[in-house]
Amino acid sequence: MRVERSELSVPASRPDMIGKALATGADVVFLDLEDSVAPDEKEEARANVIRAMRELDWGGRPAAYRINALDTPFFYRDLIEVAEGAGERLGLILIPKVDRPEDLYAVDVLLAGVERRLGLEVGKIRLEAQIETARGLANADAIARATSRLETLIFGPGDYAASVRMPLENIGMAGEWDELYPGHRFHYAMHRIVVAARAAGVKAVDGPYADYRDPDGLRRSCQIARSLGFDGKWCIHPAQIGVVNEVFSPTRRELEWARKVVAAYEEAKAAGSGAVSVDGRMVDAANIRMAQNALDLARAAGML
């Protein structure tokens, strides 16, 4: 189990930032070739990605980067040039604006060709897909099952808001329109992505919170995402990693409860009893699964 509580974005055009990002406690660090890189800098940025993957220590993380969307003139070179240049060091590619399962199929076929040419195991390079449009959300179930390479669905709230013509001032942050709407405006999209991810057996990561100087707002945003079932959150600045890792890790109280539930279940099973009770309350199969999930996450995060 690979934890993905925090996913830190680093502009691939800024090699001075890459080493610093890899020294942080982020669970995933990816080098971005898309929105954070100007068109005339993308070619040089690809070279930075290859160099970073081949020369730097990624600290046990998969060496990761984000390509440009499939409908751009940058896509094919982002994919082939970097995949061939990084070779066996490349572990993970983020695909933005995935609208349909065929998008991932196209990437899958191209990567299989690269892997065969380099003598790598086919399927070694893993994928994460961003759901950022109305069409992508409508096809979320099929996208989540499009390829065995897929590990994670990521919600992109900014582009999603633009796609559905939703007014939005700052990505991930509450504003005037959130106060007017009687509920959480992104609830449907977020939970839809979680359901698609869980049904396909992949992870779900929430999008970024724009103001890295607002830890309280970030914490609230993380708590909402975790309450809906997300595994983690995208970070745009190293200052956000601590809060994100904390919120998406089991609390001490959760771990104490999980240990009690699992111990009570093992005792009941050994005694041949079907009834499980913890602190005077009956515990069912769903409680046991949630307790085991908490313990598994804690072990993967090095908490146990």
Protein backbone atom coordinates (compact mmCIF):
# COMPACT_ATOMS: atom_id res chain seq x y z
CA MET A 1 0.00 0.00 0.00
CA ARG A 2 1.46 3.36 -1.08
CA VAL A 3 0.06 6.29 0.87
CA GLU A 4 -0.87 9.39 -1.07
CA ARG A 5 -1.90 11.91 1.54
CA SER A 6 0.04 14.82 0.03
CA GLU A 7 0.89 15.33 -3.64
CA LEU A 8 3.25 18.27 -4.22
CA SER A 9 3.33 20.05 -7.59
CA VAL A 10 6.64 21.55 -8.76
CA PRO A 11 7.07 23.57 -12.00
CA ALA A 12 9.41 21.55 -14.22
CA SER A 13 10.78 24.85 -15.53
CA ARG A 14 12.26 25.56 -12.07
CA PRO A 15 15.09 23.08 -11.45
CA ASP A 16 16.10 25.10 -8.38
CA MET A 17 12.84 24.03 -6.72
CA ILE A 18 13.00 20.32 -7.55
CA GLY A 19 15.66 19.28 -5.05
CA LYS A 20 13.93 21.26 -2.29
CA ALA A 21 10.61 19.56 -3.08
CA LEU A 22 12.20 16.10 -2.91
CA ALA A 23 13.54 16.94 0.57
CA THR A 24 10.02 17.56 1.92
CA GLY A 25 7.68 15.07 3.58
CA ALA A 26 5.29 14.92 0.62
CA ASP A 27 4.13 11.41 -0.22
CA VAL A 28 4.25 12.20 -3.94
CA VAL A 29 6.26 14.90 -5.73
CA PHE A 30 5.55 15.49 -9.41
CA LEU A 31 7.21 17.80 -11.90
CA ASP A 32 4.63 19.78 -13.85
CA LEU A 33 4.86 20.40 -17.59
CA GLU A 34 1.30 21.71 -17.91
CA ASP A 35 -0.22 24.86 -16.39
CA SER A 36 2.84 26.06 -14.47
CA VAL A 37 5.14 26.06 -17.53
CA ALA A 38 4.94 28.67 -20.31
CA PRO A 39 4.68 27.30 -23.88
CA ASP A 40 8.14 28.51 -24.91
CA GLU A 41 9.68 26.83 -21.84
CA LYS A 42 8.17 23.38 -22.24
CA GLU A 43 10.98 21.86 -24.30
CA GLU A 44 13.65 22.85 -21.79
CA ALA A 45 11.35 21.75 -18.97
CA ARG A 46 11.17 18.23 -20.45
CA ALA A 47 14.95 18.04 -20.24
CA ASN A 48 14.75 19.13 -16.59
CA VAL A 49 12.33 16.30 -15.86
CA ILE A 50 14.58 13.69 -17.47
CA ARG A 51 17.63 15.02 -15.65
CA ALA A 52 15.85 15.06 -12.29
CA MET A 53 14.60 11.51 -12.70
CA ARG A 54 17.98 10.15 -13.73
CA GLU A 55 20.17 12.09 -11.29
CA LEU A 56 18.20 12.89 -8.12
CA ASP A 57 17.18 10.77 -5.13
CA TRP A 58 13.39 10.55 -5.00
CA GLY A 59 13.41 9.14 -1.48
CA GLY A 60 11.52 5.97 -2.25
CA ARG A 61 8.76 7.83 -4.07
CA PRO A 62 7.85 7.06 -7.67
CA ALA A 63 9.57 9.55 -9.99
CA ALA A 64 6.55 11.44 -11.32
CA TYR A 65 5.61 14.21 -13.74
CA ARG A 66 2.50 15.73 -15.35
CA ILE A 67 2.16 15.96 -19.11
CA ASN A 68 0.03 18.39 -21.10
CA ALA A 69 -3.47 17.32 -22.13
CA LEU A 70 -4.01 15.01 -25.10
CA ASP A 71 -5.60 17.74 -27.22
CA THR A 72 -2.51 19.99 -27.06
CA PRO A 73 0.50 20.08 -29.44
CA PHE A 74 2.76 19.25 -26.47
CA PHE A 75 1.23 15.94 -25.43
CA TYR A 76 3.02 13.44 -27.62
CA ARG A 77 6.50 14.80 -26.98
CA ASP A 78 5.81 15.19 -23.26
CA LEU A 79 4.95 11.51 -23.15
CA ILE A 80 7.45 9.88 -25.52
CA GLU A 81 10.47 12.13 -25.01
CA VAL A 82 10.38 11.98 -21.22
CA ALA A 83 9.39 8.31 -20.97
CA GLU A 84 12.23 7.27 -23.27
CA GLY A 85 14.72 9.65 -21.65
CA ALA A 86 13.94 8.70 -18.05
CA GLY A 87 13.60 5.01 -18.86
CA GLU A 88 13.53 2.67 -15.87
CA ARG A 89 13.61 5.60 -13.43
CA LEU A 90 10.15 6.82 -14.44
CA GLY A 91 7.41 5.59 -12.14
CA LEU A 92 4.29 7.72 -12.52
CA ILE A 93 2.64 10.06 -15.04
CA LEU A 94 -0.24 12.42 -14.27
CA ILE A 95 -2.68 12.90 -17.16
CA PRO A 96 -4.69 16.17 -17.02
CA LYS A 97 -8.20 16.77 -18.32
CA VAL A 98 -9.09 13.13 -18.93
CA ASP A 99 -12.50 13.22 -20.60
CA ARG A 100 -13.06 9.61 -21.63
CA PRO A 101 -11.52 6.15 -21.13
CA GLU A 102 -10.07 6.27 -24.65
CA ASP A 103 -7.69 9.01 -23.47
CA LEU A 104 -6.04 6.61 -21.05
CA TYR A 105 -6.12 3.81 -23.60
CA ALA A 106 -4.10 5.97 -26.01
CA VAL A 107 -1.53 6.73 -23.32
CA ASP A 108 -1.42 3.06 -22.32
CA VAL A 109 -0.67 1.91 -25.89
CA LEU A 110 2.10 4.48 -26.39
CA LEU A 111 3.73 3.65 -23.06
CA ALA A 112 3.63 -0.08 -23.83
CA GLY A 113 5.62 0.64 -26.99
CA VAL A 114 8.19 2.65 -25.02
CA GLU A 115 8.48 -0.09 -22.39
CA ARG A 116 9.02 -2.80 -25.02
CA ARG A 117 11.64 -0.71 -26.79
CA LEU A 118 13.53 -0.15 -23.54
CA GLY A 119 13.17 -3.73 -22.32
CA LEU A 120 10.97 -2.76 -19.37
CA GLU A 121 8.05 -4.71 -17.97
CA VAL A 122 4.89 -3.62 -19.78
CA GLY A 123 2.72 -1.76 -17.28
CA LYS A 124 5.65 -0.64 -15.12
CA ILE A 125 4.85 3.05 -15.65
CA ARG A 126 1.77 3.93 -13.63
CA LEU A 127 -0.86 6.62 -14.26
CA GLU A 128 -3.00 9.11 -12.38
CA ALA A 129 -5.97 10.74 -14.13
CA GLN A 130 -7.34 14.19 -13.42
CA ILE A 131 -11.11 14.63 -13.62
CA GLU A 132 -11.48 18.31 -14.51
CA THR A 133 -14.44 18.65 -16.87
CA ALA A 134 -18.14 17.90 -17.04
CA ARG A 135 -17.43 15.21 -19.62
CA GLY A 136 -14.72 13.68 -17.47
CA LEU A 137 -17.02 13.53 -14.46
CA ALA A 138 -19.81 11.96 -16.54
CA ASN A 139 -17.34 9.27 -17.65
CA ALA A 140 -15.61 8.84 -14.28
CA ASP A 141 -16.60 5.18 -13.86
CA ALA A 142 -15.27 4.17 -17.27
CA ILE A 143 -12.13 6.26 -16.83
CA ALA A 144 -11.39 4.60 -13.48
CA ARG A 145 -11.50 1.18 -15.20
CA ALA A 146 -9.79 2.17 -18.47
CA THR A 147 -6.37 0.63 -17.77
CA SER A 148 -4.65 -1.47 -15.16
CA ARG A 149 -1.94 1.21 -15.03
CA LEU A 150 -4.29 3.62 -13.26
CA GLU A 151 -3.61 4.20 -9.57
CA THR A 152 -5.50 7.39 -8.73
CA LEU A 153 -8.29 9.75 -9.76
CA ILE A 154 -7.58 13.42 -8.98
CA PHE A 155 -10.23 16.14 -8.78
CA GLY A 156 -9.37 19.39 -10.57
CA PRO A 157 -11.79 21.98 -9.12
CA GLY A 158 -10.59 24.99 -11.10
CA ASP A 159 -10.98 23.59 -14.60
CA TYR A 160 -14.11 21.72 -13.51
CA ALA A 161 -15.71 24.99 -12.37
CA ALA A 162 -14.87 26.57 -15.73
CA SER A 163 -16.25 23.54 -17.57
CA VAL A 164 -19.65 23.73 -15.89
CA ARG A 165 -19.64 27.58 -15.84
CA MET A 166 -19.54 27.71 -12.06
CA PRO A 167 -18.32 31.09 -10.73
CA LEU A 168 -15.14 30.58 -8.72
CA GLU A 169 -12.80 33.19 -7.31
CA ASN A 170 -9.99 31.08 -5.86
CA ILE A 171 -9.38 27.36 -6.37
CA GLY A 172 -10.38 25.25 -3.40
CA MET A 173 -11.36 28.24 -1.27
CA ALA A 174 -14.74 29.43 -0.06
CA GLY A 175 -16.01 32.68 -1.55
CA GLU A 176 -19.13 34.76 -2.06
CA TRP A 177 -20.93 32.07 -4.05
CA ASP A 178 -20.24 29.42 -1.42
CA GLU A 179 -21.98 31.57 1.16
CA LEU A 180 -25.03 31.91 -1.10
CA TYR A 181 -25.36 28.21 -1.94
CA PRO A 182 -27.09 26.09 0.77
CA GLY A 183 -24.46 23.37 0.98
CA HIS A 184 -21.03 22.44 -0.38
CA ARG A 185 -20.94 23.38 -4.08
CA PHE A 186 -18.45 20.67 -5.05
CA HIS A 187 -20.01 17.90 -2.99
CA TYR A 188 -21.53 16.04 -5.93
CA ALA A 189 -18.40 16.13 -8.08
CA MET A 190 -16.10 15.15 -5.23
CA HIS A 191 -18.19 12.24 -4.00
CA ARG A 192 -18.81 11.10 -7.56
CA ILE A 193 -15.06 10.81 -8.04
CA VAL A 194 -14.60 8.94 -4.75
CA VAL A 195 -17.32 6.43 -5.68
CA ALA A 196 -15.81 5.85 -9.14
CA ALA A 197 -12.35 5.39 -7.60
CA ARG A 198 -13.45 3.00 -4.87
CA ALA A 199 -15.57 0.92 -7.25
CA ALA A 200 -12.50 0.47 -9.47
CA GLY A 201 -10.07 -0.11 -6.59
CA VAL A 202 -7.99 3.04 -7.09
CA LYS A 203 -7.20 6.02 -4.86
CA ALA A 204 -8.85 9.46 -4.87
CA VAL A 205 -6.99 12.75 -4.33
CA ASP A 206 -8.62 16.16 -3.89
CA GLY A 207 -7.46 19.26 -5.75
CA PRO A 208 -5.42 22.17 -4.35
CA TYR A 209 -6.18 24.97 -1.93
CA ALA A 210 -4.96 28.20 -3.49
CA ASP A 211 -3.80 30.20 -0.45
CA TYR A 212 -0.75 28.46 1.04
CA ARG A 213 -0.62 31.15 3.75
CA ASP A 214 -3.99 30.06 5.18
CA PRO A 215 -3.43 26.86 7.18
CA ASP A 216 -6.83 27.03 8.86
CA GLY A 217 -8.66 27.23 5.54
CA LEU A 218 -6.50 24.43 4.19
CA ARG A 219 -7.26 22.26 7.21
CA ARG A 220 -10.98 22.79 6.75
CA SER A 221 -10.72 21.92 3.06
CA CYS A 222 -8.78 18.74 3.91
CA GLN A 223 -11.30 17.74 6.57
CA ILE A 224 -14.16 18.05 4.08
CA ALA A 225 -12.28 15.95 1.52
CA ARG A 226 -11.37 13.28 4.04
CA SER A 227 -14.94 13.16 5.36
CA LEU A 228 -16.04 12.29 1.79
CA GLY A 229 -13.48 9.50 1.49
CA PHE A 230 -10.52 11.08 -0.30
CA ASP A 231 -7.07 9.63 0.38
CA GLY A 232 -5.20 12.91 0.14
CA LYS A 233 -4.85 16.36 -1.35
CA TRP A 234 -2.79 18.19 -3.93
CA CYS A 235 -0.30 20.72 -2.51
CA ILE A 236 0.96 23.76 -4.38
CA HIS A 237 3.53 24.76 -1.74
CA PRO A 238 5.69 22.83 0.74
CA ALA A 239 4.11 24.81 3.58
CA GLN A 240 0.88 22.88 3.03
CA ILE A 241 2.34 19.39 3.40
CA GLY A 242 2.29 19.19 7.21
CA VAL A 243 -1.40 20.02 7.55
CA VAL A 244 -2.37 17.75 4.66
CA ASN A 245 -0.41 14.76 5.99
CA GLU A 246 -1.87 15.27 9.44
CA VAL A 247 -5.51 15.45 8.35
CA PHE A 248 -5.25 12.46 6.01
CA SER A 249 -3.59 10.29 8.67
CA PRO A 250 -5.52 8.40 11.38
CA THR A 251 -5.70 10.28 14.66
CA ARG A 252 -4.57 8.73 17.94
CA ARG A 253 -8.21 8.28 18.90
CA GLU A 254 -8.96 6.54 15.59
CA LEU A 255 -6.03 4.17 16.05
CA GLU A 256 -7.01 3.31 19.62
CA TRP A 257 -10.54 2.53 18.45
CA ALA A 258 -9.23 0.50 15.50
CA ARG A 259 -6.98 -1.61 17.73
CA LYS A 260 -9.87 -2.33 20.09
CA VAL A 261 -12.19 -3.32 17.25
CA VAL A 262 -9.69 -5.65 15.59
CA ALA A 263 -8.69 -7.22 18.92
CA ALA A 264 -12.33 -7.78 19.87
CA TYR A 265 -13.00 -9.34 16.48
CA GLU A 266 -10.04 -11.72 16.79
CA GLU A 267 -11.15 -12.74 20.30
CA ALA A 268 -14.71 -13.37 19.14
CA LYS A 269 -13.50 -15.38 16.15
CA ALA A 270 -11.22 -17.50 18.35
CA ALA A 271 -14.13 -18.16 20.69
CA GLY A 272 -16.41 -19.11 17.82
CA SER A 273 -18.74 -16.21 18.54
CA GLY A 274 -20.39 -14.12 15.86
CA ALA A 275 -21.07 -11.22 18.20
CA VAL A 276 -18.42 -8.52 18.64
CA SER A 277 -18.68 -5.82 21.28
CA VAL A 278 -16.38 -2.86 21.98
CA ASP A 279 -16.93 -0.63 25.03
CA GLY A 280 -20.45 -1.98 25.39
CA ARG A 281 -21.41 -1.34 21.77
CA MET A 282 -22.00 -3.94 19.09
CA VAL A 283 -19.56 -3.85 16.18
CA ASP A 284 -20.48 -5.08 12.70
CA ALA A 285 -18.49 -6.06 9.63
CA ALA A 286 -18.37 -2.47 8.35
CA ASN A 287 -16.76 -1.29 11.60
CA ILE A 288 -14.15 -4.02 11.33
CA ARG A 289 -13.30 -3.02 7.74
CA MET A 290 -12.98 0.65 8.70
CA ALA A 291 -10.75 -0.27 11.65
CA GLN A 292 -8.50 -2.38 9.42
CA ASN A 293 -8.32 0.47 6.87
CA ALA A 294 -7.10 2.84 9.59
CA LEU A 295 -4.42 0.40 10.75
CA ASP A 296 -3.28 -0.32 7.19
CA LEU A 297 -2.95 3.40 6.45
CA ALA A 298 -1.03 4.00 9.68
CA ARG A 299 1.43 1.21 8.87
CA ALA A 300 1.95 2.47 5.32
CA ALA A 301 2.57 5.99 6.64
CA GLY A 302 5.13 4.70 9.16
CA MET A 303 2.94 5.48 12.18
CA LEU A 304 2.96 1.91 13.50
